[in-house]
Amino acid sequence: MIPVCRLEDLPAGESVRLDTTPPVAVFNADGALYAVDDTCSHQDASLSEGWLEGCLVECPLHAATFDLRTGQPTCLPARRPVRTHRVSVVDGTIHVHLTEPAAVPVPVPASATSAIVPAGVSGAGSLSATAHSTLTGEGSAA
């Protein structure tokens, strides 16, 4: 389990990139959290720098889109999915579980204590520059 950031530090419609191996992007939109491998499967581009539209993220390089709930590409040029990861919120801190597949998306709990929240995004908007801050992902995968 890798700590990402405090829940309040990842507002709806924004993302954060973890410098893990492989890099992971965590998204928040409309109160749902999603985590996927951060590299587009078509070409080497960071999905955390893409644009959100509902549960889709659009790659900033060639406009391939991926469903954050499943990791599946929804249009060309991407043909291969990106891996999804389970997300949990424990005591107000978002965590990514790199060795566990994503669960069915559920809303972020109001109390944000000890709740498991699957990786995912469901909101529209572009990502701000502050949302692209790079975190180190210290800790070990659970």
C-alpha atoms as a PDB file:
ATOM      1  CA  MET A   1       0.000   0.000   0.000  1.00  0.00           C
ATOM      2  CA  ILE A   2       1.560   3.281  -1.143  1.00  0.00           C
ATOM      3  CA  PRO A   3       0.407   6.583   0.377  1.00  0.00           C
ATOM      4  CA  VAL A   4      -0.492   9.149  -2.276  1.00  0.00           C
ATOM      5  CA  CYS A   5      -1.694  12.322  -0.522  1.00  0.00           C
ATOM      6  CA  ARG A   6      -4.425  13.590   1.782  1.00  0.00           C
ATOM      7  CA  LEU A   7      -7.895  13.295   0.249  1.00  0.00           C
ATOM      8  CA  GLU A   8      -8.429  17.054   0.487  1.00  0.00           C
ATOM      9  CA  ASP A   9      -5.205  17.615  -1.509  1.00  0.00           C
ATOM     10  CA  LEU A  10      -6.655  15.904  -4.609  1.00  0.00           C
ATOM     11  CA  PRO A  11      -9.741  17.924  -5.604  1.00  0.00           C
ATOM     12  CA  ALA A  12     -12.341  16.635  -8.057  1.00  0.00           C
ATOM     13  CA  GLY A  13     -11.198  16.857 -11.674  1.00  0.00           C
ATOM     14  CA  GLU A  14      -7.495  16.639 -10.859  1.00  0.00           C
ATOM     15  CA  SER A  15      -4.779  13.994 -10.811  1.00  0.00           C
ATOM     16  CA  VAL A  16      -1.440  13.225  -9.263  1.00  0.00           C
ATOM     17  CA  ARG A  17       1.443  11.130 -10.596  1.00  0.00           C
ATOM     18  CA  LEU A  18       3.377   8.662  -8.450  1.00  0.00           C
ATOM     19  CA  ASP A  19       6.992   7.948  -9.340  1.00  0.00           C
ATOM     20  CA  THR A  20       6.666   4.222  -8.792  1.00  0.00           C
ATOM     21  CA  THR A  21       7.692   1.401 -11.107  1.00  0.00           C
ATOM     22  CA  PRO A  22       5.711   1.654 -13.288  1.00  0.00           C
ATOM     23  CA  PRO A  23       4.499   5.241 -12.728  1.00  0.00           C
ATOM     24  CA  VAL A  24       0.864   5.442 -11.590  1.00  0.00           C
ATOM     25  CA  ALA A  25      -1.694   8.228 -12.056  1.00  0.00           C
ATOM     26  CA  VAL A  26      -4.423   8.752  -9.449  1.00  0.00           C
ATOM     27  CA  PHE A  27      -7.526  10.669 -10.554  1.00  0.00           C
ATOM     28  CA  ASN A  28     -10.435  12.227  -8.639  1.00  0.00           C
ATOM     29  CA  ALA A  29     -13.609  13.316 -10.382  1.00  0.00           C
ATOM     30  CA  ASP A  30     -17.089  13.700  -8.941  1.00  0.00           C
ATOM     31  CA  GLY A  31     -15.862  12.126  -5.726  1.00  0.00           C
ATOM     32  CA  ALA A  32     -14.594   8.846  -7.234  1.00  0.00           C
ATOM     33  CA  LEU A  33     -10.934   7.798  -7.171  1.00  0.00           C
ATOM     34  CA  TYR A  34      -9.212   5.784  -9.896  1.00  0.00           C
ATOM     35  CA  ALA A  35      -5.598   4.689 -10.361  1.00  0.00           C
ATOM     36  CA  VAL A  36      -4.032   3.458 -13.604  1.00  0.00           C
ATOM     37  CA  ASP A  37      -0.540   2.965 -14.945  1.00  0.00           C
ATOM     38  CA  ASP A  38       0.449   6.486 -16.005  1.00  0.00           C
ATOM     39  CA  THR A  39       1.948   5.621 -19.395  1.00  0.00           C
ATOM     40  CA  CYS A  40      -0.288   5.497 -22.475  1.00  0.00           C
ATOM     41  CA  SER A  41      -0.151   2.049 -24.066  1.00  0.00           C
ATOM     42  CA  HIS A  42       0.142   3.599 -27.547  1.00  0.00           C
ATOM     43  CA  GLN A  43       3.218   5.724 -26.944  1.00  0.00           C
ATOM     44  CA  ASP A  44       5.224   7.078 -24.024  1.00  0.00           C
ATOM     45  CA  ALA A  45       2.970   9.858 -22.687  1.00  0.00           C
ATOM     46  CA  SER A  46       1.782  10.625 -19.162  1.00  0.00           C
ATOM     47  CA  LEU A  47      -1.962  10.097 -18.738  1.00  0.00           C
ATOM     48  CA  SER A  48      -1.907  12.292 -15.626  1.00  0.00           C
ATOM     49  CA  GLU A  49      -1.260  15.188 -18.008  1.00  0.00           C
ATOM     50  CA  GLY A  50      -4.331  14.295 -20.085  1.00  0.00           C
ATOM     51  CA  TRP A  51      -7.904  15.583 -20.029  1.00  0.00           C
ATOM     52  CA  LEU A  52     -10.814  14.102 -18.091  1.00  0.00           C
ATOM     53  CA  GLU A  53     -14.269  13.555 -19.557  1.00  0.00           C
ATOM     54  CA  GLY A  54     -16.495  11.486 -17.304  1.00  0.00           C
ATOM     55  CA  CYS A  55     -14.632   8.245 -16.549  1.00  0.00           C
ATOM     56  CA  LEU A  56     -12.339   8.745 -19.538  1.00  0.00           C
ATOM     57  CA  VAL A  57      -8.863  10.212 -19.686  1.00  0.00           C
ATOM     58  CA  GLU A  58      -7.527  11.444 -23.009  1.00  0.00           C
ATOM     59  CA  CYS A  59      -3.829  10.993 -23.706  1.00  0.00           C
ATOM     60  CA  PRO A  60      -2.181  14.383 -24.338  1.00  0.00           C
ATOM     61  CA  LEU A  61      -0.034  13.036 -27.172  1.00  0.00           C
ATOM     62  CA  HIS A  62      -2.336  11.421 -29.752  1.00  0.00           C
ATOM     63  CA  ALA A  63      -5.820  11.740 -28.168  1.00  0.00           C
ATOM     64  CA  ALA A  64      -6.309   8.045 -27.360  1.00  0.00           C
ATOM     65  CA  THR A  65      -8.821   7.692 -24.538  1.00  0.00           C
ATOM     66  CA  PHE A  66      -8.978   5.136 -21.731  1.00  0.00           C
ATOM     67  CA  ASP A  67     -11.839   4.132 -19.445  1.00  0.00           C
ATOM     68  CA  LEU A  68     -10.418   4.595 -15.955  1.00  0.00           C
ATOM     69  CA  ARG A  69     -12.772   1.968 -14.520  1.00  0.00           C
ATOM     70  CA  THR A  70     -11.362  -0.814 -16.716  1.00  0.00           C
ATOM     71  CA  GLY A  71      -8.183   0.562 -18.291  1.00  0.00           C
ATOM     72  CA  GLN A  72      -9.581  -0.306 -21.741  1.00  0.00           C
ATOM     73  CA  PRO A  73      -8.883   2.045 -24.654  1.00  0.00           C
ATOM     74  CA  THR A  74     -12.037   3.496 -26.159  1.00  0.00           C
ATOM     75  CA  CYS A  75     -10.568   4.693 -29.456  1.00  0.00           C
ATOM     76  CA  LEU A  76      -7.497   4.496 -31.646  1.00  0.00           C
ATOM     77  CA  PRO A  77      -4.584   4.865 -31.764  1.00  0.00           C
ATOM     78  CA  ALA A  78      -4.384   2.937 -28.460  1.00  0.00           C
ATOM     79  CA  ARG A  79      -5.210  -0.763 -28.759  1.00  0.00           C
ATOM     80  CA  ARG A  80      -3.921  -2.189 -25.465  1.00  0.00           C
ATOM     81  CA  PRO A  81      -5.396  -1.398 -22.032  1.00  0.00           C
ATOM     82  CA  VAL A  82      -3.533   0.219 -19.167  1.00  0.00           C
ATOM     83  CA  ARG A  83      -3.474  -1.587 -15.833  1.00  0.00           C
ATOM     84  CA  THR A  84      -5.830  -0.366 -13.104  1.00  0.00           C
ATOM     85  CA  HIS A  85      -5.053  -0.394  -9.378  1.00  0.00           C
ATOM     86  CA  ARG A  86      -7.189  -0.502  -6.240  1.00  0.00           C
ATOM     87  CA  VAL A  87      -7.378   2.685  -4.205  1.00  0.00           C
ATOM     88  CA  SER A  88      -8.270   3.033  -0.526  1.00  0.00           C
ATOM     89  CA  VAL A  89      -8.716   5.970   1.823  1.00  0.00           C
ATOM     90  CA  VAL A  90      -7.435   5.344   5.343  1.00  0.00           C
ATOM     91  CA  ASP A  91      -7.637   8.072   7.980  1.00  0.00           C
ATOM     92  CA  GLY A  92      -8.041  10.695   5.240  1.00  0.00           C
ATOM     93  CA  THR A  93      -5.007   9.545   3.207  1.00  0.00           C
ATOM     94  CA  ILE A  94      -5.347   8.084  -0.292  1.00  0.00           C
ATOM     95  CA  HIS A  95      -3.402   4.835  -0.849  1.00  0.00           C
ATOM     96  CA  VAL A  96      -2.745   2.821  -4.024  1.00  0.00           C
ATOM     97  CA  HIS A  97      -2.449  -0.966  -3.893  1.00  0.00           C
ATOM     98  CA  LEU A  98      -0.125  -1.819  -6.783  1.00  0.00           C
ATOM     99  CA  THR A  99      -0.401  -5.590  -6.464  1.00  0.00           C
ATOM    100  CA  GLU A 100      -4.212  -5.668  -6.297  1.00  0.00           C
ATOM    101  CA  PRO A 101      -6.608  -5.149  -9.227  1.00  0.00           C
ATOM    102  CA  ALA A 102      -9.127  -2.332  -9.054  1.00  0.00           C
ATOM    103  CA  ALA A 103     -12.458  -2.974  -7.367  1.00  0.00           C
ATOM    104  CA  VAL A 104     -15.860  -1.708  -8.475  1.00  0.00           C
ATOM    105  CA  PRO A 105     -15.879   2.124  -8.188  1.00  0.00           C
ATOM    106  CA  VAL A 106     -17.613   3.592  -5.140  1.00  0.00           C
ATOM    107  CA  PRO A 107     -17.892   7.199  -3.947  1.00  0.00           C
ATOM    108  CA  VAL A 108     -15.280   8.754  -1.689  1.00  0.00           C
ATOM    109  CA  PRO A 109     -16.738   8.605   1.823  1.00  0.00           C
ATOM    110  CA  ALA A 110     -17.483  11.898   3.559  1.00  0.00           C
ATOM    111  CA  SER A 111     -15.505  10.823   6.628  1.00  0.00           C
ATOM    112  CA  ALA A 112     -12.667   9.330   4.523  1.00  0.00           C
ATOM    113  CA  THR A 113     -11.602   6.966   7.291  1.00  0.00           C
ATOM    114  CA  SER A 114     -10.778   3.332   6.624  1.00  0.00           C
ATOM    115  CA  ALA A 115     -12.896   3.198   3.460  1.00  0.00           C
ATOM    116  CA  ILE A 116     -11.829   1.294   0.375  1.00  0.00           C
ATOM    117  CA  VAL A 117     -12.342   3.317  -2.769  1.00  0.00           C
ATOM    118  CA  PRO A 118     -11.631   1.778  -6.167  1.00  0.00           C
ATOM    119  CA  ALA A 119      -9.418   3.477  -8.649  1.00  0.00           C
ATOM    120  CA  GLY A 120     -11.338   5.709 -11.094  1.00  0.00           C
ATOM    121  CA  VAL A 121     -12.589   9.102 -12.302  1.00  0.00           C
ATOM    122  CA  SER A 122     -16.037  10.296 -13.180  1.00  0.00           C
ATOM    123  CA  GLY A 123     -16.012  13.974 -14.011  1.00  0.00           C
ATOM    124  CA  ALA A 124     -15.193  16.427 -16.756  1.00  0.00           C
ATOM    125  CA  GLY A 125     -12.538  19.086 -16.947  1.00  0.00           C
ATOM    126  CA  SER A 126      -8.895  19.566 -17.665  1.00  0.00           C
ATOM    127  CA  LEU A 127      -6.127  19.075 -15.167  1.00  0.00           C
ATOM    128  CA  SER A 128      -4.469  22.036 -13.526  1.00  0.00           C
ATOM    129  CA  ALA A 129      -0.721  22.427 -13.308  1.00  0.00           C
ATOM    130  CA  THR A 130      -0.832  22.014  -9.530  1.00  0.00           C
ATOM    131  CA  ALA A 131      -2.575  18.673  -9.939  1.00  0.00           C
ATOM    132  CA  HIS A 132       0.433  17.311 -11.773  1.00  0.00           C
ATOM    133  CA  SER A 133       2.717  17.453  -8.788  1.00  0.00           C
ATOM    134  CA  THR A 134       4.974  14.460  -8.568  1.00  0.00           C
ATOM    135  CA  LEU A 135       4.977  12.436  -5.379  1.00  0.00           C
ATOM    136  CA  THR A 136       7.624   9.926  -4.461  1.00  0.00           C
ATOM    137  CA  GLY A 137       5.393   7.012  -3.450  1.00  0.00           C
ATOM    138  CA  GLU A 138       7.523   6.118  -0.422  1.00  0.00           C
ATOM    139  CA  GLY A 139       6.577   2.888   1.262  1.00  0.00           C
ATOM    140  CA  SER A 140       6.172  -0.599  -0.064  1.00  0.00           C
ATOM    141  CA  ALA A 141       3.370  -2.177  -2.022  1.00  0.00           C
ATOM    142  CA  ALA A 142       1.058  -4.318   0.067  1.00  0.00           C
END
